[in-house]
């Protein structure tokens, strides 16, 4: 349980301090909405997602070309379909 709590803290921090305000807001809202409903595997996948640079995340979210292939997993699907306007 301690590991999960520490991972959540790390994810929350990383999602809110990206480097660009747009991604801080988008990823912060996404994380806030879902973090308490995720299992350990999803949290690990979310941490992986947050390690991707802002440009590729922005392009993936908006359906533009990215520099690499995003894994097919629950987190990436949730992020891709996240409606930021409904935050």
PDB file of N, CA and C in Angstrom:
ATOM      1  N   UNK A   1       0.818  -1.202   0.000  1.00  0.00           N
ATOM      2  CA  UNK A   1       0.000   0.000   0.000  1.00  0.00           C
ATOM      3  C   UNK A   1       0.860   1.264   0.000  1.00  0.00           C
ATOM      4  N   UNK A   2       1.963   1.214   0.728  1.00  0.00           N
ATOM      5  CA  UNK A   2       2.856   2.378   0.764  1.00  0.00           C
ATOM      6  C   UNK A   2       3.397   2.661  -0.633  1.00  0.00           C
ATOM      7  N   UNK A   3       3.741   1.587  -1.352  1.00  0.00           N
ATOM      8  CA  UNK A   3       4.238   1.756  -2.725  1.00  0.00           C
ATOM      9  C   UNK A   3       3.201   2.466  -3.593  1.00  0.00           C
ATOM     10  N   UNK A   4       1.943   2.078  -3.478  1.00  0.00           N
ATOM     11  CA  UNK A   4       0.863   2.669  -4.273  1.00  0.00           C
ATOM     12  C   UNK A   4       0.715   4.150  -3.933  1.00  0.00           C
ATOM     13  N   UNK A   5       0.735   4.473  -2.640  1.00  0.00           N
ATOM     14  CA  UNK A   5       0.601   5.869  -2.218  1.00  0.00           C
ATOM     15  C   UNK A   5       1.747   6.727  -2.743  1.00  0.00           C
ATOM     16  N   UNK A   6       2.962   6.206  -2.657  1.00  0.00           N
ATOM     17  CA  UNK A   6       4.128   6.944  -3.163  1.00  0.00           C
ATOM     18  C   UNK A   6       4.041   7.125  -4.682  1.00  0.00           C
ATOM     19  N   UNK A   7       3.615   6.079  -5.373  1.00  0.00           N
ATOM     20  CA  UNK A   7       3.466   6.151  -6.826  1.00  0.00           C
ATOM     21  C   UNK A   7       2.424   7.203  -7.201  1.00  0.00           C
ATOM     22  N   UNK A   8       1.315   7.236  -6.473  1.00  0.00           N
ATOM     23  CA  UNK A   8       0.273   8.233  -6.743  1.00  0.00           C
ATOM     24  C   UNK A   8       0.810   9.652  -6.532  1.00  0.00           C
ATOM     25  N   UNK A   9       1.556   9.866  -5.459  1.00  0.00           N
ATOM     26  CA  UNK A   9       2.131  11.192  -5.198  1.00  0.00           C
ATOM     27  C   UNK A   9       3.060  11.613  -6.326  1.00  0.00           C
ATOM     28  N   UNK A  10       3.895  10.686  -6.763  1.00  0.00           N
ATOM     29  CA  UNK A  10       4.834  10.951  -7.852  1.00  0.00           C
ATOM     30  C   UNK A  10       4.078  11.295  -9.142  1.00  0.00           C
ATOM     31  N   UNK A  11       3.029  10.532  -9.432  1.00  0.00           N
ATOM     32  CA  UNK A  11       2.225  10.754 -10.637  1.00  0.00           C
ATOM     33  C   UNK A  11       1.520  12.107 -10.582  1.00  0.00           C
ATOM     34  N   UNK A  12       0.934  12.430  -9.448  1.00  0.00           N
ATOM     35  CA  UNK A  12       0.235  13.709  -9.307  1.00  0.00           C
ATOM     36  C   UNK A  12       1.205  14.866  -9.519  1.00  0.00           C
ATOM     37  N   UNK A  13       2.368  14.785  -8.896  1.00  0.00           N
ATOM     38  CA  UNK A  13       3.362  15.843  -9.065  1.00  0.00           C
ATOM     39  C   UNK A  13       3.776  15.958 -10.531  1.00  0.00           C
ATOM     40  N   UNK A  14       4.134  14.836 -11.127  1.00  0.00           N
ATOM     41  CA  UNK A  14       4.630  14.826 -12.515  1.00  0.00           C
ATOM     42  C   UNK A  14       3.562  15.304 -13.504  1.00  0.00           C
ATOM     43  N   UNK A  15       2.306  15.030 -13.222  1.00  0.00           N
ATOM     44  CA  UNK A  15       1.252  15.440 -14.147  1.00  0.00           C
ATOM     45  C   UNK A  15       0.983  16.940 -14.086  1.00  0.00           C
ATOM     46  N   UNK A  16       1.329  17.573 -12.976  1.00  0.00           N
ATOM     47  CA  UNK A  16       1.062  19.001 -12.811  1.00  0.00           C
ATOM     48  C   UNK A  16       2.258  19.899 -13.107  1.00  0.00           C
ATOM     49  N   UNK A  17       3.431  19.321 -13.245  1.00  0.00           N
ATOM     50  CA  UNK A  17       4.649  20.098 -13.493  1.00  0.00           C
ATOM     51  C   UNK A  17       5.385  19.525 -14.688  1.00  0.00           C
ATOM     52  N   UNK A  18       4.858  19.808 -15.869  1.00  0.00           N
ATOM     53  CA  UNK A  18       5.351  19.235 -17.118  1.00  0.00           C
ATOM     54  C   UNK A  18       6.389  20.102 -17.804  1.00  0.00           C
ATOM     55  N   UNK A  19       6.180  21.393 -17.777  1.00  0.00           N
ATOM     56  CA  UNK A  19       7.047  22.295 -18.522  1.00  0.00           C
ATOM     57  C   UNK A  19       6.243  23.233 -19.396  1.00  0.00           C
ATOM     58  N   UNK A  20       5.093  22.778 -19.860  1.00  0.00           N
ATOM     59  CA  UNK A  20       4.205  23.660 -20.611  1.00  0.00           C
ATOM     60  C   UNK A  20       2.874  23.737 -19.866  1.00  0.00           C
ATOM     61  N   UNK A  21       2.332  24.939 -19.788  1.00  0.00           N
ATOM     62  CA  UNK A  21       1.078  25.135 -19.056  1.00  0.00           C
ATOM     63  C   UNK A  21      -0.060  24.296 -19.612  1.00  0.00           C
ATOM     64  N   UNK A  22      -0.112  24.169 -20.934  1.00  0.00           N
ATOM     65  CA  UNK A  22      -1.193  23.408 -21.558  1.00  0.00           C
ATOM     66  C   UNK A  22      -1.181  21.951 -21.100  1.00  0.00           C
ATOM     67  N   UNK A  23       0.006  21.348 -21.094  1.00  0.00           N
ATOM     68  CA  UNK A  23       0.106  19.950 -20.686  1.00  0.00           C
ATOM     69  C   UNK A  23      -0.040  19.807 -19.173  1.00  0.00           C
ATOM     70  N   UNK A  24       0.408  20.810 -18.404  1.00  0.00           N
ATOM     71  CA  UNK A  24       0.169  20.791 -16.957  1.00  0.00           C
ATOM     72  C   UNK A  24      -1.328  20.694 -16.689  1.00  0.00           C
ATOM     73  N   UNK A  25      -2.096  21.516 -17.368  1.00  0.00           N
ATOM     74  CA  UNK A  25      -3.545  21.556 -17.153  1.00  0.00           C
ATOM     75  C   UNK A  25      -4.222  20.272 -17.643  1.00  0.00           C
ATOM     76  N   UNK A  26      -3.870  19.842 -18.844  1.00  0.00           N
ATOM     77  CA  UNK A  26      -4.485  18.646 -19.424  1.00  0.00           C
ATOM     78  C   UNK A  26      -4.170  17.404 -18.591  1.00  0.00           C
ATOM     79  N   UNK A  27      -2.898  17.164 -18.337  1.00  0.00           N
ATOM     80  CA  UNK A  27      -2.510  15.964 -17.589  1.00  0.00           C
ATOM     81  C   UNK A  27      -2.911  16.053 -16.123  1.00  0.00           C
ATOM     82  N   UNK A  28      -2.891  17.257 -15.564  1.00  0.00           N
ATOM     83  CA  UNK A  28      -3.342  17.433 -14.189  1.00  0.00           C
ATOM     84  C   UNK A  28      -4.814  17.079 -14.043  1.00  0.00           C
ATOM     85  N   UNK A  29      -5.638  17.560 -14.959  1.00  0.00           N
ATOM     86  CA  UNK A  29      -7.079  17.264 -14.927  1.00  0.00           C
ATOM     87  C   UNK A  29      -7.336  15.779 -15.171  1.00  0.00           C
ATOM     88  N   UNK A  30      -6.615  15.194 -16.115  1.00  0.00           N
ATOM     89  CA  UNK A  30      -6.757  13.768 -16.417  1.00  0.00           C
ATOM     90  C   UNK A  30      -6.409  12.922 -15.185  1.00  0.00           C
ATOM     91  N   UNK A  31      -5.281  13.218 -14.575  1.00  0.00           N
ATOM     92  CA  UNK A  31      -4.834  12.465 -13.405  1.00  0.00           C
ATOM     93  C   UNK A  31      -5.815  12.624 -12.247  1.00  0.00           C
ATOM     94  N   UNK A  32      -6.249  13.855 -12.007  1.00  0.00           N
ATOM     95  CA  UNK A  32      -7.187  14.112 -10.914  1.00  0.00           C
ATOM     96  C   UNK A  32      -8.478  13.307 -11.084  1.00  0.00           C
ATOM     97  N   UNK A  33      -8.952  13.209 -12.314  1.00  0.00           N
ATOM     98  CA  UNK A  33     -10.205  12.501 -12.576  1.00  0.00           C
ATOM     99  C   UNK A  33     -10.076  10.999 -12.316  1.00  0.00           C
ATOM    100  N   UNK A  34      -8.955  10.406 -12.693  1.00  0.00           N
ATOM    101  CA  UNK A  34      -8.853   8.944 -12.707  1.00  0.00           C
ATOM    102  C   UNK A  34      -8.001   8.306 -11.616  1.00  0.00           C
ATOM    103  N   UNK A  35      -7.107   9.033 -10.993  1.00  0.00           N
ATOM    104  CA  UNK A  35      -6.063   8.397 -10.166  1.00  0.00           C
ATOM    105  C   UNK A  35      -6.611   7.507  -9.051  1.00  0.00           C
ATOM    106  N   UNK A  36      -7.698   7.874  -8.440  1.00  0.00           N
ATOM    107  CA  UNK A  36      -8.209   7.079  -7.322  1.00  0.00           C
ATOM    108  C   UNK A  36      -8.990   5.843  -7.760  1.00  0.00           C
ATOM    109  N   UNK A  37      -9.197   5.694  -9.062  1.00  0.00           N
ATOM    110  CA  UNK A  37      -9.919   4.532  -9.579  1.00  0.00           C
ATOM    111  C   UNK A  37      -9.014   3.555 -10.315  1.00  0.00           C
ATOM    112  N   UNK A  38      -7.712   3.803 -10.314  1.00  0.00           N
ATOM    113  CA  UNK A  38      -6.784   2.973 -11.078  1.00  0.00           C
ATOM    114  C   UNK A  38      -6.175   1.875 -10.222  1.00  0.00           C
ATOM    115  N   UNK A  39      -5.970   0.712 -10.837  1.00  0.00           N
ATOM    116  CA  UNK A  39      -5.264  -0.361 -10.144  1.00  0.00           C
ATOM    117  C   UNK A  39      -3.753  -0.162 -10.314  1.00  0.00           C
ATOM    118  N   UNK A  40      -2.976  -1.037  -9.708  1.00  0.00           N
ATOM    119  CA  UNK A  40      -1.521  -0.879  -9.729  1.00  0.00           C
ATOM    120  C   UNK A  40      -0.960  -0.901 -11.153  1.00  0.00           C
ATOM    121  N   UNK A  41      -1.443  -1.796 -12.002  1.00  0.00           N
ATOM    122  CA  UNK A  41      -0.953  -1.864 -13.384  1.00  0.00           C
ATOM    123  C   UNK A  41      -1.266  -0.576 -14.142  1.00  0.00           C
ATOM    124  N   UNK A  42      -2.463  -0.045 -13.929  1.00  0.00           N
ATOM    125  CA  UNK A  42      -2.825   1.206 -14.591  1.00  0.00           C
ATOM    126  C   UNK A  42      -1.964   2.361 -14.093  1.00  0.00           C
ATOM    127  N   UNK A  43      -1.655   2.375 -12.807  1.00  0.00           N
ATOM    128  CA  UNK A  43      -0.783   3.427 -12.266  1.00  0.00           C
ATOM    129  C   UNK A  43       0.606   3.359 -12.892  1.00  0.00           C
ATOM    130  N   UNK A  44       1.114   2.145 -13.071  1.00  0.00           N
ATOM    131  CA  UNK A  44       2.426   1.972 -13.713  1.00  0.00           C
ATOM    132  C   UNK A  44       2.354   2.470 -15.162  1.00  0.00           C
ATOM    133  N   UNK A  45       1.266   2.159 -15.862  1.00  0.00           N
ATOM    134  CA  UNK A  45       1.096   2.635 -17.243  1.00  0.00           C
ATOM    135  C   UNK A  45       0.959   4.153 -17.283  1.00  0.00           C
ATOM    136  N   UNK A  46       0.290   4.728 -16.299  1.00  0.00           N
ATOM    137  CA  UNK A  46       0.165   6.188 -16.248  1.00  0.00           C
ATOM    138  C   UNK A  46       1.530   6.828 -16.007  1.00  0.00           C
ATOM    139  N   UNK A  47       2.328   6.217 -15.159  1.00  0.00           N
ATOM    140  CA  UNK A  47       3.681   6.732 -14.935  1.00  0.00           C
ATOM    141  C   UNK A  47       4.490   6.693 -16.242  1.00  0.00           C
ATOM    142  N   UNK A  48       4.354   5.610 -16.998  1.00  0.00           N
ATOM    143  CA  UNK A  48       5.033   5.509 -18.298  1.00  0.00           C
ATOM    144  C   UNK A  48       4.554   6.614 -19.238  1.00  0.00           C
ATOM    145  N   UNK A  49       3.248   6.852 -19.260  1.00  0.00           N
ATOM    146  CA  UNK A  49       2.689   7.900 -20.116  1.00  0.00           C
ATOM    147  C   UNK A  49       3.294   9.253 -19.753  1.00  0.00           C
ATOM    148  N   UNK A  50       3.437   9.508 -18.467  1.00  0.00           N
ATOM    149  CA  UNK A  50       3.972  10.796 -18.015  1.00  0.00           C
ATOM    150  C   UNK A  50       5.455  10.964 -18.313  1.00  0.00           C
ATOM    151  N   UNK A  51       6.132   9.889 -18.644  1.00  0.00           N
ATOM    152  CA  UNK A  51       7.547   9.979 -19.012  1.00  0.00           C
ATOM    153  C   UNK A  51       7.745  10.335 -20.481  1.00  0.00           C
ATOM    154  N   UNK A  52       6.654  10.409 -21.224  1.00  0.00           N
ATOM    155  CA  UNK A  52       6.724  10.782 -22.637  1.00  0.00           C
ATOM    156  C   UNK A  52       6.750  12.305 -22.745  1.00  0.00           C
ATOM    157  N   UNK A  53       7.505  12.807 -23.691  1.00  0.00           N
ATOM    158  CA  UNK A  53       7.638  14.256 -23.833  1.00  0.00           C
ATOM    159  C   UNK A  53       6.312  14.915 -24.229  1.00  0.00           C
ATOM    160  N   UNK A  54       6.200  16.195 -23.904  1.00  0.00           N
ATOM    161  CA  UNK A  54       4.956  16.934 -24.123  1.00  0.00           C
ATOM    162  C   UNK A  54       4.522  16.973 -25.588  1.00  0.00           C
ATOM    163  N   UNK A  55       5.454  17.106 -26.488  1.00  0.00           N
ATOM    164  CA  UNK A  55       5.097  17.185 -27.908  1.00  0.00           C
ATOM    165  C   UNK A  55       4.404  15.911 -28.371  1.00  0.00           C
ATOM    166  N   UNK A  56       4.977  14.770 -28.053  1.00  0.00           N
ATOM    167  CA  UNK A  56       4.367  13.501 -28.452  1.00  0.00           C
ATOM    168  C   UNK A  56       3.038  13.266 -27.737  1.00  0.00           C
ATOM    169  N   UNK A  57       2.944  13.649 -26.467  1.00  0.00           N
ATOM    170  CA  UNK A  57       1.675  13.507 -25.750  1.00  0.00           C
ATOM    171  C   UNK A  57       0.598  14.389 -26.375  1.00  0.00           C
ATOM    172  N   UNK A  58       0.956  15.618 -26.677  1.00  0.00           N
ATOM    173  CA  UNK A  58       0.013  16.539 -27.313  1.00  0.00           C
ATOM    174  C   UNK A  58      -0.452  15.979 -28.653  1.00  0.00           C
ATOM    175  N   UNK A  59       0.490  15.503 -29.451  1.00  0.00           N
ATOM    176  CA  UNK A  59       0.153  14.950 -30.769  1.00  0.00           C
ATOM    177  C   UNK A  59      -0.718  13.704 -30.643  1.00  0.00           C
ATOM    178  N   UNK A  60      -0.395  12.823 -29.712  1.00  0.00           N
ATOM    179  CA  UNK A  60      -1.187  11.615 -29.486  1.00  0.00           C
ATOM    180  C   UNK A  60      -2.609  11.988 -29.073  1.00  0.00           C
ATOM    181  N   UNK A  61      -2.741  12.892 -28.121  1.00  0.00           N
ATOM    182  CA  UNK A  61      -4.047  13.305 -27.616  1.00  0.00           C
ATOM    183  C   UNK A  61      -4.907  13.908 -28.730  1.00  0.00           C
ATOM    184  N   UNK A  62      -4.279  14.665 -29.607  1.00  0.00           N
ATOM    185  CA  UNK A  62      -5.006  15.362 -30.670  1.00  0.00           C
ATOM    186  C   UNK A  62      -5.081  14.592 -31.984  1.00  0.00           C
ATOM    187  N   UNK A  63      -4.561  13.372 -32.003  1.00  0.00           N
ATOM    188  CA  UNK A  63      -4.661  12.539 -33.190  1.00  0.00           C
ATOM    189  C   UNK A  63      -3.666  12.860 -34.289  1.00  0.00           C
ATOM    190  N   UNK A  64      -2.576  13.547 -33.912  1.00  0.00           N
ATOM    191  CA  UNK A  64      -1.533  13.867 -34.890  1.00  0.00           C
ATOM    192  C   UNK A  64      -0.455  12.786 -34.870  1.00  0.00           C
ATOM    193  N   UNK A  65       0.444  12.840 -35.836  1.00  0.00           N
ATOM    194  CA  UNK A  65       1.538  11.879 -35.932  1.00  0.00           C
ATOM    195  C   UNK A  65       2.497  12.037 -34.749  1.00  0.00           C
ATOM    196  N   UNK A  66       2.936  10.903 -34.201  1.00  0.00           N
ATOM    197  CA  UNK A  66       3.908  10.908 -33.112  1.00  0.00           C
ATOM    198  C   UNK A  66       5.208  10.261 -33.576  1.00  0.00           C
ATOM    199  N   UNK A  67       6.252  10.466 -32.802  1.00  0.00           N
ATOM    200  CA  UNK A  67       7.569   9.916 -33.136  1.00  0.00           C
ATOM    201  C   UNK A  67       7.698   8.435 -32.821  1.00  0.00           C
ATOM    202  N   UNK A  68       6.758   7.892 -32.083  1.00  0.00           N
ATOM    203  CA  UNK A  68       6.819   6.468 -31.738  1.00  0.00           C
ATOM    204  C   UNK A  68       5.414   5.926 -31.525  1.00  0.00           C
ATOM    205  N   UNK A  69       5.337   4.626 -31.424  1.00  0.00           N
ATOM    206  CA  UNK A  69       4.062   3.926 -31.254  1.00  0.00           C
ATOM    207  C   UNK A  69       3.672   3.898 -29.782  1.00  0.00           C
ATOM    208  N   UNK A  70       2.479   4.362 -29.484  1.00  0.00           N
ATOM    209  CA  UNK A  70       1.963   4.297 -28.118  1.00  0.00           C
ATOM    210  C   UNK A  70       1.414   2.893 -27.866  1.00  0.00           C
ATOM    211  N   UNK A  71       1.666   2.358 -26.679  1.00  0.00           N
ATOM    212  CA  UNK A  71       1.155   1.039 -26.311  1.00  0.00           C
ATOM    213  C   UNK A  71      -0.371   1.061 -26.315  1.00  0.00           C
ATOM    214  N   UNK A  72      -0.942  -0.083 -26.550  1.00  0.00           N
ATOM    215  CA  UNK A  72      -2.385  -0.229 -26.447  1.00  0.00           C
ATOM    216  C   UNK A  72      -2.706  -0.696 -25.033  1.00  0.00           C
ATOM    217  N   UNK A  73      -3.132   0.237 -24.187  1.00  0.00           N
ATOM    218  CA  UNK A  73      -3.498  -0.112 -22.816  1.00  0.00           C
ATOM    219  C   UNK A  73      -4.626   0.796 -22.329  1.00  0.00           C
ATOM    220  N   UNK A  74      -5.168   0.480 -21.189  1.00  0.00           N
ATOM    221  CA  UNK A  74      -6.302   1.206 -20.633  1.00  0.00           C
ATOM    222  C   UNK A  74      -6.007   2.696 -20.439  1.00  0.00           C
ATOM    223  N   UNK A  75      -4.839   3.021 -19.928  1.00  0.00           N
ATOM    224  CA  UNK A  75      -4.489   4.415 -19.648  1.00  0.00           C
ATOM    225  C   UNK A  75      -4.400   5.229 -20.929  1.00  0.00           C
ATOM    226  N   UNK A  76      -3.714   4.700 -21.928  1.00  0.00           N
ATOM    227  CA  UNK A  76      -3.594   5.439 -23.185  1.00  0.00           C
ATOM    228  C   UNK A  76      -4.955   5.635 -23.839  1.00  0.00           C
ATOM    229  N   UNK A  77      -5.822   4.639 -23.735  1.00  0.00           N
ATOM    230  CA  UNK A  77      -7.177   4.765 -24.265  1.00  0.00           C
ATOM    231  C   UNK A  77      -7.965   5.823 -23.492  1.00  0.00           C
ATOM    232  N   UNK A  78      -7.873   5.799 -22.174  1.00  0.00           N
ATOM    233  CA  UNK A  78      -8.553   6.817 -21.363  1.00  0.00           C
ATOM    234  C   UNK A  78      -8.047   8.215 -21.705  1.00  0.00           C
ATOM    235  N   UNK A  79      -6.722   8.354 -21.823  1.00  0.00           N
ATOM    236  CA  UNK A  79      -6.131   9.656 -22.131  1.00  0.00           C
ATOM    237  C   UNK A  79      -6.557  10.138 -23.514  1.00  0.00           C
ATOM    238  N   UNK A  80      -6.489   9.255 -24.487  1.00  0.00           N
ATOM    239  CA  UNK A  80      -6.845   9.617 -25.863  1.00  0.00           C
ATOM    240  C   UNK A  80      -8.312  10.086 -25.947  1.00  0.00           C
ATOM    241  N   UNK A  81      -9.178   9.499 -25.121  1.00  0.00           N
ATOM    242  CA  UNK A  81     -10.605   9.832 -25.147  1.00  0.00           C
ATOM    243  C   UNK A  81     -11.033  10.810 -24.055  1.00  0.00           C
ATOM    244  N   UNK A  82     -10.075  11.333 -23.289  1.00  0.00           N
ATOM    245  CA  UNK A  82     -10.381  12.263 -22.216  1.00  0.00           C
ATOM    246  C   UNK A  82     -10.902  13.577 -22.791  1.00  0.00           C
ATOM    247  N   UNK A  83     -12.029  14.013 -22.279  1.00  0.00           N
ATOM    248  CA  UNK A  83     -12.622  15.280 -22.735  1.00  0.00           C
ATOM    249  C   UNK A  83     -12.249  16.365 -21.745  1.00  0.00           C
ATOM    250  N   UNK A  84     -11.205  17.113 -22.075  1.00  0.00           N
ATOM    251  CA  UNK A  84     -10.704  18.150 -21.180  1.00  0.00           C
ATOM    252  C   UNK A  84     -11.758  19.228 -20.925  1.00  0.00           C
ATOM    253  N   UNK A  85     -12.623  19.470 -21.870  1.00  0.00           N
ATOM    254  CA  UNK A  85     -13.638  20.519 -21.696  1.00  0.00           C
ATOM    255  C   UNK A  85     -14.644  20.157 -20.603  1.00  0.00           C
ATOM    256  N   UNK A  86     -14.697  18.875 -20.232  1.00  0.00           N
ATOM    257  CA  UNK A  86     -15.636  18.424 -19.202  1.00  0.00           C
ATOM    258  C   UNK A  86     -14.988  18.328 -17.824  1.00  0.00           C
ATOM    259  N   UNK A  87     -13.765  18.779 -17.693  1.00  0.00           N
ATOM    260  CA  UNK A  87     -13.023  18.637 -16.432  1.00  0.00           C
ATOM    261  C   UNK A  87     -13.847  19.111 -15.280  1.00  0.00           C
TER     262      UNK A  87
END
